[in-house]
Amino acid sequence: MGLAVAILADGTAADDLVAGADSIEVHERIGEATTYRIRYPIDEADDDFPLLIDGRLDPGASLTIAVPAPEDPDVLVKGQVYGQQVRFKHNVTGSYLDILGGDLTLEMDRELVAKIWPASSAVSDAVTGIIGNYDSVTPDVETLSITTADNGHLLVQRDTDLRFVRRLSRRYGYWFWVTTDTEDVTTAHWKRPPLDDDPAAALILNADANNVDVLDLEWDVERPNTAFAAQLGVRDLAAIAGDVDRSPLTPLGKTPLSELTEPRGIQVIAPADTAADSRARAEGALIESGWFIRARGQTSMRQLGACLHAHTLVTVNGIGTRHSGTYVVAGVRHVIDNDAHLMHFELVRNAWGG
């Protein structure tokens, strides 16, 4: 029957790369690069193995993997090939080749950069400037107007672009990820979790129209729900207020973590020159710790009628008033073969109650 995917090699349709593939896996997860693995059987031994020397699969070659969706095709990943894994078996039978690649963030993790960002620049300006160094990438950067001062703690980069942006993301409770659309437009997103978006799909259990058979759910409230970040200015010893008593994110249910238990504090120890900077760092710590509900399950494109992606919202129905509701898709492992397009997903939530 063949795989229900399209592969573009450097922007050109490569139907033979689809026809020869046994399976494709694409793994996307919050805080990580989106990666892919394409498996090809090796079933002929001639003077050479053609796929092993195919220039479209060489280091740095760009592949795009898209799947049909109910409305428009859906691009799972676009990015460069970074490796191959090969199993050779005597007489060839059972041999295979895996092509490994990942999205734009892999390119951002190669060159070490030493730079002091201007004191007048906002943190989000630095992120926008970094994204602008990469050709044909559109920035989608949420404003974070925290600045530094020449006589204070400057924003210093001594790392790759990716590690620097990831560090800023964790510091302030932002997410950084990359998407590509069907028009071949790649967008780099940097923003706090977009919890006010519309859910992209509904996962249903315990109903005639169910599209998920099993969902494993767990919760753990033994985590920080309030942050202490008050400190003194390094030069004038003036008090800098930065304490935060709850996560700033929209609760995805009636009762957030801060209302479920007695205060459990975290001390945010980081040099800051303003209350705004200190408070934003404290908020970032609570955003990260606030995902106290986690669920895992599996569905398929055919069952769900939609393609799941990390960083988006879904609703879960049929698991009771406490746990039914809106969740964030924290990760998806797409497994595509000749039979199905399976999606192994992980969900997180920062509150319970419908």
Foldseek 3Di string as FASTA:
>chain_A
DWWQKWKAWQNHTDVVLRRQWFKKKWKDFFPDWIKMKTKGAQQDDDVDRVVVPPPSLDFFIKMWMWGQFPPHIFTRAIWTWHDKDWDADPNRPPIMMMTMTTHPLVVQQDDWDWDWDDQQDAPQNVLVVSQVVDPQEAEATDDDRDGHDPPFDTQIGGHGSNVSLSVVCLQQQWTWYWGAGPVRRIYIYIGHQPPVDDFPFEAEDPDPLHFFDDKDKDFDLPFAAWEAQWFAAPPPRHIQGATGRGAPDDAQADFFSSRPDPGDYDYDDDGDHHNSSSNSSRNSRRSVRQQGMKMKGKGFCVSTSGDDDASGKYFYDDPDQFATTIWGWRMWMWMIRPPTTMIITMTTGRGTGD
